Amino acid sequence: MTTPRKLTPQEETRLAQVRKNFQERRRVTESLEGIGTRIGVYSGKGGVGKTTVATNLAVTLAAQGNNVALFDCDIDCPNVARVLRVTEGPVQDGKKLIPPSRFGVKVMSMAFFQENEDEAIIWRGPMIHNAINQFLQTTEWGNPDYMIVDLPPGTSDAPLTVMQTLNLDGFVVVSTPQELAVLDAKRSINMIKKMNLKVFGVIENFSGGMFGTGGGQALAEEMDLPFLGTIEMRADYNNSKRPASLESDEIAAEYAGITEKLKARIAAEKAD
């Protein structure tokens, strides 16, 4: 009988890491198993209004009678809590965190764990990866119909971690009409496709006025994707008390139209 070869220290280390990764994925899967549809809101460029779109989508879906969760995965620049004006952080129940709720939306964000809102979170990739995993493993989401995930911008480590960990059902890509924003949105779409994930559609934000219009729709047509809708620049976004879709009938109508197209796209994908 052959005696099994003793593993080298390096092999033992790699095996231990494989076991750790497997256990993490299992705990994440168990934590998220009650969630209906997981939708990433994403763009290759910061500053295109991704967080504004994510929060207003979540609030609109909740106003339509859905059970909704919103996960802020932008670890170093978390803004969801500020947009929703959530002042109370999560409550600990044993080993689980119960997320606070605002406007019918359950919210989890790194912002709840900052001593000062304006402090800089200067973390390398592995720390961001660990933070996202900890949130996913310890948050008690319940059974929401939708989870909206506000991703960090770019095409590198942080969004890659989210894509590999959350098993998102699909993405909404946000762009503004300008040429460079459209180019970066195209890069983010190509990243999603390389990860063998789905794109539900494209939204054009900050449309009209000095920014122009049509870039988002042209992008959707070029990439053979649904165009979910246009969100115009409006002064109502300056109201910081509530999300703009709750303050303006025009903005509410824009998001209602987008959510209807989004739900139809989700249903079509699930039917395939």
C-alpha atoms as a PDB file:
ATOM      1  CA  MET A   1       0.000   0.000   0.000  1.00  0.00           C
ATOM      2  CA  THR A   2       1.393   3.358  -1.034  1.00  0.00           C
ATOM      3  CA  THR A   3       1.861   5.902   1.738  1.00  0.00           C
ATOM      4  CA  PRO A   4       0.243   9.246   0.864  1.00  0.00           C
ATOM      5  CA  ARG A   5       2.766  11.953   0.108  1.00  0.00           C
ATOM      6  CA  LYS A   6       3.073  14.586   2.806  1.00  0.00           C
ATOM      7  CA  LEU A   7       2.010  18.026   1.609  1.00  0.00           C
ATOM      8  CA  THR A   8       4.561  20.809   1.531  1.00  0.00           C
ATOM      9  CA  PRO A   9       3.922  23.911   3.683  1.00  0.00           C
ATOM     10  CA  GLN A  10       2.989  25.832   0.535  1.00  0.00           C
ATOM     11  CA  GLU A  11       0.485  23.148  -0.487  1.00  0.00           C
ATOM     12  CA  GLU A  12      -0.985  23.114   3.020  1.00  0.00           C
ATOM     13  CA  THR A  13      -1.420  26.884   2.849  1.00  0.00           C
ATOM     14  CA  ARG A  14      -3.141  26.704  -0.545  1.00  0.00           C
ATOM     15  CA  LEU A  15      -5.415  23.891   0.634  1.00  0.00           C
ATOM     16  CA  ALA A  16      -6.375  25.850   3.755  1.00  0.00           C
ATOM     17  CA  GLN A  17      -7.238  28.857   1.561  1.00  0.00           C
ATOM     18  CA  VAL A  18      -9.384  26.693  -0.726  1.00  0.00           C
ATOM     19  CA  ARG A  19     -11.269  25.374   2.312  1.00  0.00           C
ATOM     20  CA  LYS A  20     -11.713  28.890   3.680  1.00  0.00           C
ATOM     21  CA  ASN A  21     -13.040  30.177   0.338  1.00  0.00           C
ATOM     22  CA  PHE A  22     -15.464  27.265   0.099  1.00  0.00           C
ATOM     23  CA  GLN A  23     -16.816  27.906   3.588  1.00  0.00           C
ATOM     24  CA  GLU A  24     -17.201  31.622   2.827  1.00  0.00           C
ATOM     25  CA  ARG A  25     -19.128  30.910  -0.370  1.00  0.00           C
ATOM     26  CA  ARG A  26     -21.368  28.459   1.447  1.00  0.00           C
ATOM     27  CA  ARG A  27     -22.185  30.975   4.204  1.00  0.00           C
ATOM     28  CA  VAL A  28     -22.849  33.712   1.643  1.00  0.00           C
ATOM     29  CA  THR A  29     -25.144  31.398  -0.335  1.00  0.00           C
ATOM     30  CA  GLU A  30     -27.067  30.510   2.812  1.00  0.00           C
ATOM     31  CA  SER A  31     -27.404  34.184   3.793  1.00  0.00           C
ATOM     32  CA  LEU A  32     -28.767  35.178   0.366  1.00  0.00           C
ATOM     33  CA  GLU A  33     -30.967  32.159  -0.369  1.00  0.00           C
ATOM     34  CA  GLY A  34     -34.200  33.977   0.559  1.00  0.00           C
ATOM     35  CA  ILE A  35     -33.663  36.798  -1.946  1.00  0.00           C
ATOM     36  CA  GLY A  36     -35.737  36.865  -5.120  1.00  0.00           C
ATOM     37  CA  THR A  37     -33.863  38.832  -7.818  1.00  0.00           C
ATOM     38  CA  ARG A  38     -30.442  40.415  -7.329  1.00  0.00           C
ATOM     39  CA  ILE A  39     -29.830  43.442  -9.534  1.00  0.00           C
ATOM     40  CA  GLY A  40     -26.468  45.186  -9.781  1.00  0.00           C
ATOM     41  CA  VAL A  41     -26.424  48.900 -10.637  1.00  0.00           C
ATOM     42  CA  TYR A  42     -23.074  49.525 -12.246  1.00  0.00           C
ATOM     43  CA  SER A  43     -20.932  51.768 -14.404  1.00  0.00           C
ATOM     44  CA  GLY A  44     -17.308  51.980 -15.415  1.00  0.00           C
ATOM     45  CA  LYS A  45     -17.161  55.647 -14.361  1.00  0.00           C
ATOM     46  CA  GLY A  46     -17.886  57.340 -11.053  1.00  0.00           C
ATOM     47  CA  GLY A  47     -20.072  60.425 -10.949  1.00  0.00           C
ATOM     48  CA  VAL A  48     -22.738  59.249 -13.407  1.00  0.00           C
ATOM     49  CA  GLY A  49     -25.426  59.058 -10.695  1.00  0.00           C
ATOM     50  CA  LYS A  50     -25.217  55.328 -10.051  1.00  0.00           C
ATOM     51  CA  THR A  51     -26.146  55.638  -6.359  1.00  0.00           C
ATOM     52  CA  THR A  52     -29.011  58.014  -7.149  1.00  0.00           C
ATOM     53  CA  VAL A  53     -30.362  55.526  -9.687  1.00  0.00           C
ATOM     54  CA  ALA A  54     -29.936  52.573  -7.294  1.00  0.00           C
ATOM     55  CA  THR A  55     -31.738  54.279  -4.419  1.00  0.00           C
ATOM     56  CA  ASN A  56     -34.596  55.583  -6.545  1.00  0.00           C
ATOM     57  CA  LEU A  57     -35.042  52.181  -8.197  1.00  0.00           C
ATOM     58  CA  ALA A  58     -35.220  50.568  -4.760  1.00  0.00           C
ATOM     59  CA  VAL A  59     -37.681  53.136  -3.408  1.00  0.00           C
ATOM     60  CA  THR A  60     -39.856  52.868  -6.535  1.00  0.00           C
ATOM     61  CA  LEU A  61     -39.987  49.063  -6.319  1.00  0.00           C
ATOM     62  CA  ALA A  62     -40.896  49.337  -2.622  1.00  0.00           C
ATOM     63  CA  ALA A  63     -43.656  51.868  -3.376  1.00  0.00           C
ATOM     64  CA  GLN A  64     -45.087  49.330  -5.830  1.00  0.00           C
ATOM     65  CA  GLY A  65     -45.588  46.894  -2.948  1.00  0.00           C
ATOM     66  CA  ASN A  66     -42.383  44.859  -3.248  1.00  0.00           C
ATOM     67  CA  ASN A  67     -40.136  43.767  -0.396  1.00  0.00           C
ATOM     68  CA  VAL A  68     -36.812  45.440  -1.279  1.00  0.00           C
ATOM     69  CA  ALA A  69     -33.243  45.422   0.047  1.00  0.00           C
ATOM     70  CA  LEU A  70     -30.469  47.820  -0.967  1.00  0.00           C
ATOM     71  CA  PHE A  71     -26.839  46.803  -0.479  1.00  0.00           C
ATOM     72  CA  ASP A  72     -24.214  49.552  -0.797  1.00  0.00           C
ATOM     73  CA  CYS A  73     -21.103  47.745  -2.061  1.00  0.00           C
ATOM     74  CA  ASP A  74     -19.093  50.911  -2.632  1.00  0.00           C
ATOM     75  CA  ILE A  75     -16.944  50.307   0.434  1.00  0.00           C
ATOM     76  CA  ASP A  76     -14.574  53.274   0.215  1.00  0.00           C
ATOM     77  CA  CYS A  77     -17.178  55.878  -0.848  1.00  0.00           C
ATOM     78  CA  PRO A  78     -20.530  54.699   0.599  1.00  0.00           C
ATOM     79  CA  ASN A  79     -23.355  57.153  -0.150  1.00  0.00           C
ATOM     80  CA  VAL A  80     -26.597  55.177   0.013  1.00  0.00           C
ATOM     81  CA  ALA A  81     -27.239  55.977   3.693  1.00  0.00           C
ATOM     82  CA  ARG A  82     -26.837  59.704   2.999  1.00  0.00           C
ATOM     83  CA  VAL A  83     -29.209  59.652   0.004  1.00  0.00           C
ATOM     84  CA  LEU A  84     -31.875  57.798   1.985  1.00  0.00           C
ATOM     85  CA  ARG A  85     -31.194  59.817   5.155  1.00  0.00           C
ATOM     86  CA  VAL A  86     -30.849  56.652   7.247  1.00  0.00           C
ATOM     87  CA  THR A  87     -29.688  57.749  10.695  1.00  0.00           C
ATOM     88  CA  GLU A  88     -29.887  54.457  12.608  1.00  0.00           C
ATOM     89  CA  GLY A  89     -27.432  51.658  11.885  1.00  0.00           C
ATOM     90  CA  PRO A  90     -28.097  47.910  11.960  1.00  0.00           C
ATOM     91  CA  VAL A  91     -29.104  46.109  15.157  1.00  0.00           C
ATOM     92  CA  GLN A  92     -27.155  43.046  16.231  1.00  0.00           C
ATOM     93  CA  ASP A  93     -29.183  39.903  16.944  1.00  0.00           C
ATOM     94  CA  GLY A  94     -26.796  37.165  17.985  1.00  0.00           C
ATOM     95  CA  LYS A  95     -24.311  36.778  15.128  1.00  0.00           C
ATOM     96  CA  LYS A  96     -26.597  38.514  12.632  1.00  0.00           C
ATOM     97  CA  LEU A  97     -27.085  42.179  11.745  1.00  0.00           C
ATOM     98  CA  ILE A  98     -30.654  43.387  11.193  1.00  0.00           C
ATOM     99  CA  PRO A  99     -30.489  46.188   8.606  1.00  0.00           C
ATOM    100  CA  PRO A 100     -32.450  49.396   9.172  1.00  0.00           C
ATOM    101  CA  SER A 101     -35.312  50.262   6.856  1.00  0.00           C
ATOM    102  CA  ARG A 102     -36.173  53.587   5.227  1.00  0.00           C
ATOM    103  CA  PHE A 103     -38.979  54.297   2.751  1.00  0.00           C
ATOM    104  CA  GLY A 104     -39.744  50.580   2.769  1.00  0.00           C
ATOM    105  CA  VAL A 105     -36.193  49.585   1.807  1.00  0.00           C
ATOM    106  CA  LYS A 106     -33.798  47.550   3.975  1.00  0.00           C
ATOM    107  CA  VAL A 107     -30.341  49.123   3.810  1.00  0.00           C
ATOM    108  CA  MET A 108     -26.808  47.924   4.531  1.00  0.00           C
ATOM    109  CA  SER A 109     -23.771  50.130   3.970  1.00  0.00           C
ATOM    110  CA  MET A 110     -20.219  50.630   5.166  1.00  0.00           C
ATOM    111  CA  ALA A 111     -21.328  54.136   6.138  1.00  0.00           C
ATOM    112  CA  PHE A 112     -22.946  52.683   9.265  1.00  0.00           C
ATOM    113  CA  PHE A 113     -19.505  51.681  10.546  1.00  0.00           C
ATOM    114  CA  GLN A 114     -17.678  54.969  10.019  1.00  0.00           C
ATOM    115  CA  GLU A 115     -17.064  57.163  13.043  1.00  0.00           C
ATOM    116  CA  ASN A 116     -17.110  60.234  10.820  1.00  0.00           C
ATOM    117  CA  GLU A 117     -18.964  60.378   7.527  1.00  0.00           C
ATOM    118  CA  ASP A 118     -16.179  62.316   5.813  1.00  0.00           C
ATOM    119  CA  GLU A 119     -13.310  60.052   6.846  1.00  0.00           C
ATOM    120  CA  ALA A 120     -11.373  58.388   4.026  1.00  0.00           C
ATOM    121  CA  ILE A 121     -11.501  54.586   3.892  1.00  0.00           C
ATOM    122  CA  ILE A 122      -8.057  53.724   2.506  1.00  0.00           C
ATOM    123  CA  TRP A 123      -8.135  49.967   1.985  1.00  0.00           C
ATOM    124  CA  ARG A 124      -6.457  47.619  -0.428  1.00  0.00           C
ATOM    125  CA  GLY A 125      -8.368  45.015  -2.422  1.00  0.00           C
ATOM    126  CA  PRO A 126      -8.208  42.121   0.096  1.00  0.00           C
ATOM    127  CA  MET A 127      -9.695  44.289   2.860  1.00  0.00           C
ATOM    128  CA  ILE A 128     -12.551  45.395   0.587  1.00  0.00           C
ATOM    129  CA  HIS A 129     -13.116  41.748  -0.358  1.00  0.00           C
ATOM    130  CA  ASN A 130     -13.278  40.769   3.327  1.00  0.00           C
ATOM    131  CA  ALA A 131     -15.662  43.609   4.176  1.00  0.00           C
ATOM    132  CA  ILE A 132     -18.091  42.643   1.406  1.00  0.00           C
ATOM    133  CA  ASN A 133     -17.959  39.009   2.498  1.00  0.00           C
ATOM    134  CA  GLN A 134     -18.600  39.922   6.127  1.00  0.00           C
ATOM    135  CA  PHE A 135     -21.635  42.010   5.190  1.00  0.00           C
ATOM    136  CA  LEU A 136     -23.020  39.198   3.068  1.00  0.00           C
ATOM    137  CA  GLN A 137     -22.475  36.538   5.724  1.00  0.00           C
ATOM    138  CA  THR A 138     -23.749  38.466   8.743  1.00  0.00           C
ATOM    139  CA  THR A 139     -26.697  40.511   7.410  1.00  0.00           C
ATOM    140  CA  GLU A 140     -30.177  39.080   7.959  1.00  0.00           C
ATOM    141  CA  TRP A 141     -31.886  40.149   4.760  1.00  0.00           C
ATOM    142  CA  GLY A 142     -35.099  38.175   5.221  1.00  0.00           C
ATOM    143  CA  ASN A 143     -36.940  37.348   2.002  1.00  0.00           C
ATOM    144  CA  PRO A 144     -36.924  40.435  -0.234  1.00  0.00           C
ATOM    145  CA  ASP A 145     -38.393  40.239  -3.717  1.00  0.00           C
ATOM    146  CA  TYR A 146     -35.514  42.354  -5.005  1.00  0.00           C
ATOM    147  CA  MET A 147     -32.029  43.216  -3.822  1.00  0.00           C
ATOM    148  CA  ILE A 148     -30.546  46.294  -5.490  1.00  0.00           C
ATOM    149  CA  VAL A 149     -26.746  46.295  -5.274  1.00  0.00           C
ATOM    150  CA  ASP A 150     -24.936  49.608  -5.708  1.00  0.00           C
ATOM    151  CA  LEU A 151     -21.551  48.573  -7.100  1.00  0.00           C
ATOM    152  CA  PRO A 152     -18.307  50.533  -6.960  1.00  0.00           C
ATOM    153  CA  PRO A 153     -17.264  51.990 -10.319  1.00  0.00           C
ATOM    154  CA  GLY A 154     -14.481  50.669 -12.513  1.00  0.00           C
ATOM    155  CA  THR A 155     -13.497  47.275 -13.851  1.00  0.00           C
ATOM    156  CA  SER A 156     -10.968  46.123 -11.265  1.00  0.00           C
ATOM    157  CA  ASP A 157     -10.853  44.447  -7.866  1.00  0.00           C
ATOM    158  CA  ALA A 158     -13.874  45.848  -5.989  1.00  0.00           C
ATOM    159  CA  PRO A 159     -16.583  45.278  -8.650  1.00  0.00           C
ATOM    160  CA  LEU A 160     -14.901  41.973  -9.538  1.00  0.00           C
ATOM    161  CA  THR A 161     -15.322  40.820  -5.927  1.00  0.00           C
ATOM    162  CA  VAL A 162     -19.023  41.696  -6.011  1.00  0.00           C
ATOM    163  CA  MET A 163     -19.570  39.890  -9.309  1.00  0.00           C
ATOM    164  CA  GLN A 164     -17.782  36.757  -8.102  1.00  0.00           C
ATOM    165  CA  THR A 165     -19.463  36.693  -4.691  1.00  0.00           C
ATOM    166  CA  LEU A 166     -23.089  37.783  -5.020  1.00  0.00           C
ATOM    167  CA  ASN A 167     -24.174  35.667  -7.979  1.00  0.00           C
ATOM    168  CA  LEU A 168     -26.186  38.597  -9.347  1.00  0.00           C
ATOM    169  CA  ASP A 169     -29.065  37.831 -11.697  1.00  0.00           C
ATOM    170  CA  GLY A 170     -28.187  40.768 -13.922  1.00  0.00           C
ATOM    171  CA  PHE A 171     -27.031  44.365 -14.171  1.00  0.00           C
ATOM    172  CA  VAL A 172     -28.431  47.780 -14.931  1.00  0.00           C
ATOM    173  CA  VAL A 173     -25.671  49.871 -16.502  1.00  0.00           C
ATOM    174  CA  VAL A 174     -25.846  53.629 -15.930  1.00  0.00           C
ATOM    175  CA  SER A 175     -24.338  56.173 -18.312  1.00  0.00           C
ATOM    176  CA  THR A 176     -24.628  59.869 -18.938  1.00  0.00           C
ATOM    177  CA  PRO A 177     -24.919  61.113 -22.553  1.00  0.00           C
ATOM    178  CA  GLN A 178     -21.287  62.273 -22.919  1.00  0.00           C
ATOM    179  CA  GLU A 179     -18.810  60.378 -25.075  1.00  0.00           C
ATOM    180  CA  LEU A 180     -16.380  59.415 -22.293  1.00  0.00           C
ATOM    181  CA  ALA A 181     -19.131  58.212 -19.962  1.00  0.00           C
ATOM    182  CA  VAL A 182     -20.556  56.071 -22.759  1.00  0.00           C
ATOM    183  CA  LEU A 183     -17.099  54.623 -23.451  1.00  0.00           C
ATOM    184  CA  ASP A 184     -16.624  53.673 -19.789  1.00  0.00           C
ATOM    185  CA  ALA A 185     -20.120  52.205 -19.629  1.00  0.00           C
ATOM    186  CA  LYS A 186     -19.234  50.087 -22.664  1.00  0.00           C
ATOM    187  CA  ARG A 187     -16.151  48.833 -20.795  1.00  0.00           C
ATOM    188  CA  SER A 188     -18.312  47.847 -17.830  1.00  0.00           C
ATOM    189  CA  ILE A 189     -20.705  45.972 -20.138  1.00  0.00           C
ATOM    190  CA  ASN A 190     -17.781  44.090 -21.640  1.00  0.00           C
ATOM    191  CA  MET A 191     -16.579  43.160 -18.155  1.00  0.00           C
ATOM    192  CA  ILE A 192     -20.021  41.793 -17.270  1.00  0.00           C
ATOM    193  CA  LYS A 193     -20.062  39.732 -20.452  1.00  0.00           C
ATOM    194  CA  LYS A 194     -16.565  38.381 -19.777  1.00  0.00           C
ATOM    195  CA  MET A 195     -17.856  37.208 -16.387  1.00  0.00           C
ATOM    196  CA  ASN A 196     -20.678  35.372 -18.214  1.00  0.00           C
ATOM    197  CA  LEU A 197     -23.296  37.465 -16.433  1.00  0.00           C
ATOM    198  CA  LYS A 198     -26.373  39.212 -17.829  1.00  0.00           C
ATOM    199  CA  VAL A 199     -27.086  42.859 -18.566  1.00  0.00           C
ATOM    200  CA  PHE A 200     -30.739  43.740 -18.060  1.00  0.00           C
ATOM    201  CA  GLY A 201     -30.361  47.067 -19.826  1.00  0.00           C
ATOM    202  CA  VAL A 202     -28.960  50.589 -19.995  1.00  0.00           C
ATOM    203  CA  ILE A 203     -30.205  53.771 -18.327  1.00  0.00           C
ATOM    204  CA  GLU A 204     -29.217  57.265 -19.471  1.00  0.00           C
ATOM    205  CA  ASN A 205     -28.913  59.602 -16.471  1.00  0.00           C
ATOM    206  CA  PHE A 206     -28.364  63.395 -16.390  1.00  0.00           C
ATOM    207  CA  SER A 207     -30.042  63.636 -19.778  1.00  0.00           C
ATOM    208  CA  GLY A 208     -30.731  67.001 -21.404  1.00  0.00           C
ATOM    209  CA  GLY A 209     -29.334  70.484 -21.063  1.00  0.00           C
ATOM    210  CA  MET A 210     -25.560  70.910 -21.263  1.00  0.00           C
ATOM    211  CA  PHE A 211     -24.967  67.147 -21.189  1.00  0.00           C
ATOM    212  CA  GLY A 212     -27.003  66.455 -24.311  1.00  0.00           C
ATOM    213  CA  THR A 213     -29.063  63.340 -24.870  1.00  0.00           C
ATOM    214  CA  GLY A 214     -29.044  60.029 -26.729  1.00  0.00           C
ATOM    215  CA  GLY A 215     -25.719  58.539 -25.645  1.00  0.00           C
ATOM    216  CA  GLY A 216     -27.319  55.857 -23.478  1.00  0.00           C
ATOM    217  CA  GLN A 217     -29.761  54.753 -26.139  1.00  0.00           C
ATOM    218  CA  ALA A 218     -27.011  54.652 -28.784  1.00  0.00           C
ATOM    219  CA  LEU A 219     -24.921  52.502 -26.435  1.00  0.00           C
ATOM    220  CA  ALA A 220     -27.807  50.091 -25.863  1.00  0.00           C
ATOM    221  CA  GLU A 221     -28.361  49.760 -29.596  1.00  0.00           C
ATOM    222  CA  GLU A 222     -24.659  49.241 -30.309  1.00  0.00           C
ATOM    223  CA  MET A 223     -24.345  46.543 -27.625  1.00  0.00           C
ATOM    224  CA  ASP A 224     -27.693  44.952 -28.570  1.00  0.00           C
ATOM    225  CA  LEU A 225     -29.198  45.575 -25.132  1.00  0.00           C
ATOM    226  CA  PRO A 226     -32.560  46.913 -23.961  1.00  0.00           C
ATOM    227  CA  PHE A 227     -32.739  50.645 -23.314  1.00  0.00           C
ATOM    228  CA  LEU A 228     -34.582  50.969 -20.009  1.00  0.00           C
ATOM    229  CA  GLY A 229     -35.142  54.703 -20.085  1.00  0.00           C
ATOM    230  CA  THR A 230     -33.932  58.272 -19.740  1.00  0.00           C
ATOM    231  CA  ILE A 231     -33.672  60.234 -16.505  1.00  0.00           C
ATOM    232  CA  GLU A 232     -33.596  63.972 -17.081  1.00  0.00           C
ATOM    233  CA  MET A 233     -31.676  66.550 -15.122  1.00  0.00           C
ATOM    234  CA  ARG A 234     -34.133  68.249 -12.752  1.00  0.00           C
ATOM    235  CA  ALA A 235     -33.862  70.681  -9.860  1.00  0.00           C
ATOM    236  CA  ASP A 236     -35.885  68.263  -7.688  1.00  0.00           C
ATOM    237  CA  TYR A 237     -32.688  66.283  -7.078  1.00  0.00           C
ATOM    238  CA  ASN A 238     -31.475  69.187  -4.944  1.00  0.00           C
ATOM    239  CA  ASN A 239     -34.088  68.270  -2.320  1.00  0.00           C
ATOM    240  CA  SER A 240     -32.075  66.290   0.198  1.00  0.00           C
ATOM    241  CA  LYS A 241     -34.925  65.203   2.476  1.00  0.00           C
ATOM    242  CA  ARG A 242     -36.208  62.291   0.414  1.00  0.00           C
ATOM    243  CA  PRO A 243     -35.272  60.471  -2.792  1.00  0.00           C
ATOM    244  CA  ALA A 244     -36.355  62.526  -5.791  1.00  0.00           C
ATOM    245  CA  SER A 245     -38.808  59.869  -7.019  1.00  0.00           C
ATOM    246  CA  LEU A 246     -40.848  60.540  -3.871  1.00  0.00           C
ATOM    247  CA  GLU A 247     -40.776  64.316  -4.387  1.00  0.00           C
ATOM    248  CA  SER A 248     -41.509  64.768  -8.082  1.00  0.00           C
ATOM    249  CA  ASP A 249     -44.319  63.269 -10.171  1.00  0.00           C
ATOM    250  CA  GLU A 250     -42.157  63.584 -13.309  1.00  0.00           C
ATOM    251  CA  ILE A 251     -39.247  61.703 -11.758  1.00  0.00           C
ATOM    252  CA  ALA A 252     -41.597  59.128 -10.254  1.00  0.00           C
ATOM    253  CA  ALA A 253     -43.021  58.513 -13.731  1.00  0.00           C
ATOM    254  CA  GLU A 254     -39.529  58.066 -15.185  1.00  0.00           C
ATOM    255  CA  TYR A 255     -38.610  55.458 -12.590  1.00  0.00           C
ATOM    256  CA  ALA A 256     -41.986  53.734 -12.855  1.00  0.00           C
ATOM    257  CA  GLY A 257     -41.400  53.306 -16.585  1.00  0.00           C
ATOM    258  CA  ILE A 258     -37.880  52.000 -15.974  1.00  0.00           C
ATOM    259  CA  THR A 259     -38.989  49.491 -13.338  1.00  0.00           C
ATOM    260  CA  GLU A 260     -41.725  48.146 -15.608  1.00  0.00           C
ATOM    261  CA  LYS A 261     -39.231  47.560 -18.420  1.00  0.00           C
ATOM    262  CA  LEU A 262     -36.775  46.070 -15.944  1.00  0.00           C
ATOM    263  CA  LYS A 263     -39.331  43.645 -14.518  1.00  0.00           C
ATOM    264  CA  ALA A 264     -40.356  42.612 -18.027  1.00  0.00           C
ATOM    265  CA  ARG A 265     -36.695  41.972 -18.891  1.00  0.00           C
ATOM    266  CA  ILE A 266     -36.207  39.911 -15.724  1.00  0.00           C
ATOM    267  CA  ALA A 267     -39.301  37.844 -16.490  1.00  0.00           C
ATOM    268  CA  ALA A 268     -38.076  37.238 -20.039  1.00  0.00           C
ATOM    269  CA  GLU A 269     -34.658  36.114 -18.813  1.00  0.00           C
ATOM    270  CA  LYS A 270     -36.192  33.709 -16.309  1.00  0.00           C
ATOM    271  CA  ALA A 271     -38.475  32.293 -18.999  1.00  0.00           C
ATOM    272  CA  ASP A 272     -35.526  31.439 -21.300  1.00  0.00           C
END
